[in-house]
Amino acid sequence: MGDPAGCGPQITMRAWTSRDELRLTPFFVIADPRLFEGRIAVQTIDVPEAATDCFNDALPVLPLTIDSFDTLITGQPSGAFAGAIIESIERATAFSLSGTASGVVTNPISKAVLYEQGFAFAGHTEFIASLCQGKNTTSMNPVMMLVGGGLRVALATIHVPLMQVLDHLRPETLTEIARTTDRTLRRDFGIEAPRLAFTGLNPHAGESGTIGTEERDLINPVAQQLRYAGVDISDARPADTVFHEALNGQYDAVIAMTHDQGLIPVKTLDMWGGVNTTLGLPIIRTSPDHGTAYDAAATGSCRADSLVAALQLATELASNRAKAHG
């Protein structure tokens, strides 16, 4: 559902309205049906399996009651809805873990709204990872990957102040991120022999240590050990050229050292259609690569491009994972 005061309800309706044109795989939304009633055809369902039968005629909604629904004003965030937002994530994850849904597509949330109510996680990614703990996953250190504009970009650090990035870049962390990315590209993206690239942290990837030594002392030794272990990954590449190299087919994915280093090229190439997907979980999870867009929600001008792309990518990943499992 995402934040009911944000863009989630609008983009969900617009994605469903485009279902035939875009040939979308049936989906259902865990939400309060009142968010959609009177605006499009709605069919409440009791179990996920019922979504397929009614999808062509109505938006399938698995009901969840929003307390204080009468106070909801589109575009105005409120902590009163935090409980319903969290419950929606929990139920979606449980359905996917049980196999009754093929994956989870999360509409945007406002972490600030949830923090007001004592939410203890940095965001969707960490919360869903905690819900999946111990469920046959090979990694409980989830990796964020952005897909869009012809790029796949995994992040070595996410919401970390720039001055603290080095505190989070450790050999074991970079090794696990690369292994998780390699494994996921093989299983979920159907790439038989993935080619990865590390970005450098410094300009020109340190230029042989003259503009910084992190590449020489940290990133490149990790890359060398990964290559010994069978992971096809480059030494640190200059961040101002490696994304062009990936677009030209030299690499299947890039692992960026910082949040903005990785997101700027994806959002520049595809501002509306980028997708955030979480690697290293036992379930498929994708999300629109944008926030709650309260201002656009208030004016009714939300675009569904990124949600549609997230639905399509989730379908592709689920299909590939099923094939990989035989």
Protein backbone atom coordinates (compact mmCIF):
# COMPACT_ATOMS: atom_id res chain seq x y z
CA MET A 1 0.00 0.00 0.00
CA GLY A 2 2.72 2.46 0.94
CA ASP A 3 1.74 5.72 2.62
CA PRO A 4 -2.00 6.19 1.92
CA ALA A 5 -1.55 9.98 1.95
CA GLY A 6 1.16 9.77 -0.70
CA CYS A 7 1.31 8.71 -4.31
CA GLY A 8 0.73 4.99 -3.68
CA PRO A 9 -3.05 4.86 -4.21
CA GLN A 10 -2.90 6.96 -7.40
CA ILE A 11 -0.07 5.06 -9.06
CA THR A 12 -1.63 1.73 -8.10
CA MET A 13 -4.88 2.71 -9.80
CA ARG A 14 -3.06 4.00 -12.87
CA ALA A 15 -0.97 0.86 -13.15
CA TRP A 16 -4.10 -1.32 -12.95
CA THR A 17 -5.90 0.87 -15.51
CA SER A 18 -2.99 0.21 -17.91
CA ARG A 19 -2.99 -3.54 -17.27
CA ASP A 20 -4.15 -4.59 -20.75
CA GLU A 21 -2.03 -2.13 -22.70
CA LEU A 22 1.10 -3.10 -20.74
CA ARG A 23 0.18 -6.79 -20.35
CA LEU A 24 0.76 -6.69 -16.61
CA THR A 25 0.81 -9.89 -14.60
CA PRO A 26 -2.10 -9.95 -12.12
CA PHE A 27 -1.36 -8.27 -8.82
CA PHE A 28 -3.33 -7.33 -5.73
CA VAL A 29 -2.90 -4.53 -3.22
CA ILE A 30 -3.01 -4.88 0.55
CA ALA A 31 -4.87 -1.70 1.54
CA ASP A 32 -8.05 -0.16 2.80
CA PRO A 33 -10.57 -0.53 -0.07
CA ARG A 34 -11.89 2.95 0.68
CA LEU A 35 -8.72 4.38 -0.92
CA PHE A 36 -10.01 3.26 -4.32
CA GLU A 37 -13.79 2.89 -4.09
CA GLY A 38 -15.73 5.31 -6.28
CA ARG A 39 -12.66 5.93 -8.43
CA ILE A 40 -12.16 2.58 -10.16
CA ALA A 41 -13.74 -0.87 -10.01
CA VAL A 42 -12.64 -2.66 -6.82
CA GLN A 43 -12.98 -6.31 -5.78
CA THR A 44 -12.10 -7.28 -2.23
CA ILE A 45 -10.48 -10.70 -1.93
CA ASP A 46 -9.82 -13.05 0.99
CA VAL A 47 -6.75 -14.86 -0.36
CA PRO A 48 -4.07 -13.93 -2.90
CA GLU A 49 -5.11 -16.70 -5.27
CA ALA A 50 -8.42 -14.92 -5.90
CA ALA A 51 -6.66 -11.96 -7.54
CA THR A 52 -6.18 -13.66 -10.89
CA ASP A 53 -9.89 -14.35 -11.43
CA CYS A 54 -11.02 -10.74 -10.96
CA PHE A 55 -7.94 -8.80 -12.15
CA ASN A 56 -9.28 -8.09 -15.62
CA ASP A 57 -12.48 -6.55 -14.26
CA ALA A 58 -11.50 -4.88 -10.98
CA LEU A 59 -8.51 -3.98 -8.84
CA PRO A 60 -8.12 -6.84 -6.34
CA VAL A 61 -7.80 -5.47 -2.79
CA LEU A 62 -6.98 -7.61 0.20
CA PRO A 63 -8.60 -5.49 2.91
CA LEU A 64 -6.67 -3.75 5.64
CA THR A 65 -8.40 -1.21 7.86
CA ILE A 66 -6.80 2.22 8.25
CA ASP A 67 -7.65 3.68 11.63
CA SER A 68 -8.73 7.33 11.52
CA PHE A 69 -9.46 6.96 7.82
CA ASP A 70 -11.78 9.97 7.94
CA THR A 71 -8.81 12.19 8.82
CA LEU A 72 -6.81 11.18 5.75
CA ILE A 73 -5.98 14.11 3.47
CA THR A 74 -4.06 13.25 0.31
CA GLY A 75 -0.70 14.99 0.34
CA GLN A 76 -0.60 15.46 4.11
CA PRO A 77 1.48 12.83 5.97
CA SER A 78 0.28 11.64 9.35
CA GLY A 79 1.63 9.26 11.95
CA ALA A 80 -1.92 8.01 12.45
CA PHE A 81 -1.47 5.74 9.43
CA ALA A 82 1.88 4.23 10.50
CA GLY A 83 0.32 1.07 11.92
CA ALA A 84 -1.52 0.26 8.69
CA ILE A 85 1.58 0.99 6.58
CA ILE A 86 3.66 -1.42 8.66
CA GLU A 87 0.94 -4.09 8.65
CA SER A 88 0.72 -3.92 4.86
CA ILE A 89 4.47 -4.59 4.55
CA GLU A 90 4.31 -7.44 7.05
CA ARG A 91 1.42 -9.16 5.31
CA ALA A 92 2.91 -8.74 1.82
CA THR A 93 6.21 -10.24 2.98
CA ALA A 94 4.44 -13.15 4.67
CA PHE A 95 2.49 -13.97 1.50
CA SER A 96 5.69 -14.00 -0.53
CA LEU A 97 7.59 -16.10 2.02
CA SER A 98 4.77 -18.66 1.98
CA GLY A 99 4.74 -18.81 -1.82
CA THR A 100 1.17 -17.59 -2.19
CA ALA A 101 2.53 -14.47 -3.92
CA SER A 102 5.47 -14.42 -6.32
CA GLY A 103 6.98 -11.24 -4.93
CA VAL A 104 6.48 -7.96 -3.11
CA VAL A 105 6.25 -4.56 -4.80
CA THR A 106 6.32 -1.82 -2.18
CA ASN A 107 4.75 1.57 -2.77
CA PRO A 108 6.68 4.51 -1.26
CA ILE A 109 6.67 5.26 2.45
CA SER A 110 7.88 8.19 4.51
CA LYS A 111 10.39 7.00 7.07
CA ALA A 112 9.86 10.19 9.06
CA VAL A 113 6.18 9.30 9.52
CA LEU A 114 7.08 5.84 10.77
CA TYR A 115 9.88 7.10 13.03
CA GLU A 116 7.35 9.26 14.86
CA GLN A 117 5.63 6.03 15.90
CA GLY A 118 8.80 4.24 17.02
CA PHE A 119 9.71 2.42 13.79
CA ALA A 120 13.19 0.96 14.43
CA PHE A 121 14.44 0.38 10.88
CA ALA A 122 16.22 2.57 8.34
CA GLY A 123 13.54 1.81 5.74
CA HIS A 124 11.69 -0.82 3.73
CA THR A 125 14.83 -2.78 2.89
CA GLU A 126 16.00 -3.34 6.44
CA PHE A 127 12.48 -4.04 7.74
CA ILE A 128 11.75 -6.65 5.08
CA ALA A 129 15.15 -8.24 5.70
CA SER A 130 14.27 -8.58 9.39
CA LEU A 131 10.96 -10.22 8.47
CA CYS A 132 12.82 -12.69 6.25
CA GLN A 133 15.47 -13.55 8.85
CA GLY A 134 16.21 -17.25 8.85
CA LYS A 135 14.04 -18.03 5.81
CA ASN A 136 16.61 -19.94 3.73
CA THR A 137 18.43 -16.83 2.57
CA THR A 138 22.15 -16.85 1.90
CA SER A 139 22.61 -13.27 3.07
CA MET A 140 20.88 -11.16 5.67
CA ASN A 141 22.84 -8.09 4.63
CA PRO A 142 20.52 -6.95 1.84
CA VAL A 143 21.95 -5.09 -1.13
CA MET A 144 20.12 -2.24 -2.83
CA MET A 145 20.22 -2.30 -6.62
CA LEU A 146 18.79 0.34 -8.94
CA VAL A 147 17.67 -0.80 -12.39
CA GLY A 148 16.91 1.75 -15.10
CA GLY A 149 18.17 3.47 -18.20
CA GLY A 150 20.00 0.34 -19.28
CA LEU A 151 22.00 0.14 -16.03
CA ARG A 152 22.05 -2.13 -13.01
CA VAL A 153 23.76 -0.40 -10.10
CA ALA A 154 24.27 -1.95 -6.67
CA LEU A 155 25.27 0.26 -3.75
CA ALA A 156 28.12 -0.42 -1.32
CA THR A 157 26.78 2.27 1.03
CA ILE A 158 23.28 3.72 1.07
CA HIS A 159 22.03 6.45 3.39
CA VAL A 160 25.39 7.29 4.94
CA PRO A 161 26.79 10.83 5.36
CA LEU A 162 29.63 11.31 2.93
CA MET A 163 32.13 11.92 5.73
CA GLN A 164 31.27 8.48 7.19
CA VAL A 165 31.46 6.40 4.00
CA LEU A 166 34.91 5.03 4.78
CA ASP A 167 33.65 3.74 8.12
CA HIS A 168 31.29 1.46 6.19
CA LEU A 169 33.63 0.27 3.43
CA ARG A 170 35.30 -2.89 4.70
CA PRO A 171 36.82 -5.80 2.76
CA GLU A 172 34.23 -8.24 4.10
CA THR A 173 31.38 -5.87 3.22
CA LEU A 174 32.55 -5.30 -0.35
CA THR A 175 33.13 -9.03 -0.77
CA GLU A 176 29.61 -9.92 0.38
CA ILE A 177 28.00 -7.24 -1.80
CA ALA A 178 29.86 -8.49 -4.87
CA ARG A 179 29.01 -12.14 -4.14
CA THR A 180 25.35 -11.31 -3.57
CA THR A 181 25.20 -9.28 -6.79
CA ASP A 182 26.89 -12.04 -8.79
CA ARG A 183 24.58 -14.71 -7.34
CA THR A 184 21.43 -12.67 -7.96
CA LEU A 185 22.35 -11.79 -11.54
CA ARG A 186 22.75 -15.51 -12.27
CA ARG A 187 19.59 -16.72 -10.52
CA ASP A 188 17.08 -13.87 -10.85
CA PHE A 189 18.27 -11.94 -13.90
CA GLY A 190 19.16 -15.04 -15.90
CA ILE A 191 22.71 -13.88 -16.71
CA GLU A 192 24.88 -16.98 -16.99
CA ALA A 193 28.27 -15.31 -16.54
CA PRO A 194 27.87 -11.85 -14.97
CA ARG A 195 30.54 -9.20 -15.47
CA LEU A 196 30.79 -6.75 -12.58
CA ALA A 197 32.65 -3.52 -12.01
CA PHE A 198 33.62 -1.70 -8.84
CA THR A 199 33.65 2.08 -9.04
CA GLY A 200 36.49 3.93 -7.42
CA LEU A 201 35.90 6.09 -4.39
CA ASN A 202 38.22 8.90 -5.47
CA PRO A 203 38.44 10.89 -8.73
CA HIS A 204 40.07 8.84 -11.51
CA ALA A 205 39.89 5.81 -9.17
CA GLY A 206 42.74 7.27 -7.17
CA GLU A 207 45.06 7.57 -10.17
CA SER A 208 47.60 5.04 -8.85
CA GLY A 209 47.43 6.47 -5.35
CA THR A 210 48.09 10.09 -6.23
CA ILE A 211 44.48 11.19 -5.55
CA GLY A 212 43.70 8.74 -2.76
CA THR A 213 44.75 5.26 -1.74
CA GLU A 214 41.44 3.50 -1.03
CA GLU A 215 41.38 1.89 -4.47
CA ARG A 216 44.93 0.55 -4.14
CA ASP A 217 44.67 -0.51 -0.50
CA LEU A 218 41.03 -1.62 -0.18
CA ILE A 219 38.95 -2.03 -3.34
CA ASN A 220 41.47 -3.62 -5.72
CA PRO A 221 42.69 -6.29 -3.25
CA VAL A 222 39.04 -7.30 -2.67
CA ALA A 223 38.49 -7.49 -6.43
CA GLN A 224 41.56 -9.67 -6.84
CA GLN A 225 40.38 -12.12 -4.18
CA LEU A 226 36.94 -12.24 -5.76
CA ARG A 227 38.45 -13.08 -9.15
CA TYR A 228 40.42 -15.90 -7.53
CA ALA A 229 37.10 -17.18 -6.19
CA GLY A 230 35.45 -17.10 -9.63
CA VAL A 231 33.64 -13.74 -9.58
CA ASP A 232 34.26 -11.73 -12.76
CA ILE A 233 34.80 -8.23 -11.37
CA SER A 234 37.05 -5.34 -12.31
CA ASP A 235 39.41 -3.38 -10.15
CA ALA A 236 38.09 0.05 -9.20
CA ARG A 237 37.06 1.91 -12.35
CA PRO A 238 36.79 5.72 -12.60
CA ALA A 239 33.19 6.60 -11.75
CA ASP A 240 33.06 9.19 -14.53
CA THR A 241 33.50 6.52 -17.22
CA VAL A 242 32.39 3.14 -15.83
CA PHE A 243 28.66 3.75 -16.34
CA HIS A 244 29.29 4.55 -20.00
CA GLU A 245 31.25 1.30 -20.23
CA ALA A 246 28.32 -0.59 -18.69
CA LEU A 247 25.87 0.99 -21.13
CA ASN A 248 28.10 -0.18 -23.97
CA GLY A 249 27.88 -3.77 -22.73
CA GLN A 250 31.23 -4.14 -20.99
CA TYR A 251 29.63 -4.83 -17.59
CA ASP A 252 26.30 -6.35 -16.49
CA ALA A 253 26.26 -4.42 -13.22
CA VAL A 254 28.25 -1.73 -11.43
CA ILE A 255 28.84 -1.61 -7.68
CA ALA A 256 29.03 2.03 -6.64
CA MET A 257 30.77 3.13 -3.47
CA THR A 258 28.26 5.84 -2.51
CA HIS A 259 24.54 6.49 -2.84
CA ASP A 260 24.69 9.51 -5.15
CA GLN A 261 27.52 8.08 -7.22
CA GLY A 262 25.22 5.21 -8.20
CA LEU A 263 21.85 6.94 -8.36
CA ILE A 264 22.81 9.98 -10.43
CA PRO A 265 23.44 8.03 -13.67
CA VAL A 266 20.32 5.86 -13.26
CA LYS A 267 18.03 8.80 -12.56
CA THR A 268 19.59 10.93 -15.28
CA LEU A 269 18.99 8.20 -17.85
CA ASP A 270 15.53 7.18 -16.60
CA MET A 271 14.06 9.55 -14.03
CA TRP A 272 10.55 8.11 -14.25
CA GLY A 273 11.11 4.42 -14.85
CA GLY A 274 13.88 3.42 -12.44
CA VAL A 275 13.30 0.51 -10.06
CA ASN A 276 14.75 -0.24 -6.65
CA THR A 277 15.20 -3.96 -6.02
CA THR A 278 16.61 -5.71 -2.97
CA LEU A 279 19.20 -8.44 -3.47
CA GLY A 280 20.09 -11.12 -0.93
CA LEU A 281 16.58 -11.96 0.27
CA PRO A 282 14.65 -15.23 -0.05
CA ILE A 283 11.83 -13.28 -1.74
CA ILE A 284 11.52 -10.96 -4.72
CA ARG A 285 11.14 -7.33 -3.68
CA THR A 286 10.99 -4.32 -5.99
CA SER A 287 9.82 -0.75 -5.52
CA PRO A 288 9.39 2.49 -7.45
CA ASP A 289 12.59 4.51 -7.33
CA HIS A 290 10.98 7.63 -5.87
CA GLY A 291 9.43 8.84 -2.65
CA THR A 292 5.89 9.50 -1.50
CA ALA A 293 5.50 12.57 -3.74
CA TYR A 294 3.03 14.26 -1.41
CA ASP A 295 2.86 17.41 -3.56
CA ALA A 296 2.04 15.47 -6.73
CA ALA A 297 -0.43 13.31 -4.81
CA ALA A 298 -2.26 16.42 -3.59
CA THR A 299 -2.69 17.67 -7.15
CA GLY A 300 -3.50 14.24 -8.60
CA SER A 301 -0.53 14.40 -10.98
CA CYS A 302 1.39 11.27 -9.93
CA ARG A 303 2.98 9.20 -12.70
CA ALA A 304 2.91 5.41 -12.49
CA ASP A 305 5.93 4.72 -14.74
CA SER A 306 8.20 3.54 -11.95
CA LEU A 307 5.56 1.36 -10.30
CA VAL A 308 4.77 -0.24 -13.65
CA ALA A 309 8.48 -0.90 -14.19
CA ALA A 310 8.72 -2.35 -10.67
CA LEU A 311 5.79 -4.70 -11.36
CA GLN A 312 7.32 -5.79 -14.65
CA LEU A 313 10.75 -6.37 -13.13
CA ALA A 314 9.24 -8.35 -10.24
CA THR A 315 7.48 -10.58 -12.77
CA GLU A 316 10.72 -11.12 -14.70
CA LEU A 317 12.75 -11.89 -11.58
CA ALA A 318 10.14 -14.27 -10.18
CA SER A 319 9.97 -16.13 -13.48
CA ASN A 320 13.76 -16.47 -13.70
CA ARG A 321 14.01 -17.61 -10.07
CA ALA A 322 11.35 -20.26 -10.65
CA LYS A 323 13.27 -21.55 -13.69
CA ALA A 324 16.51 -21.61 -11.70
CA HIS A 325 14.81 -23.73 -9.03
CA GLY A 326 13.58 -26.15 -11.70
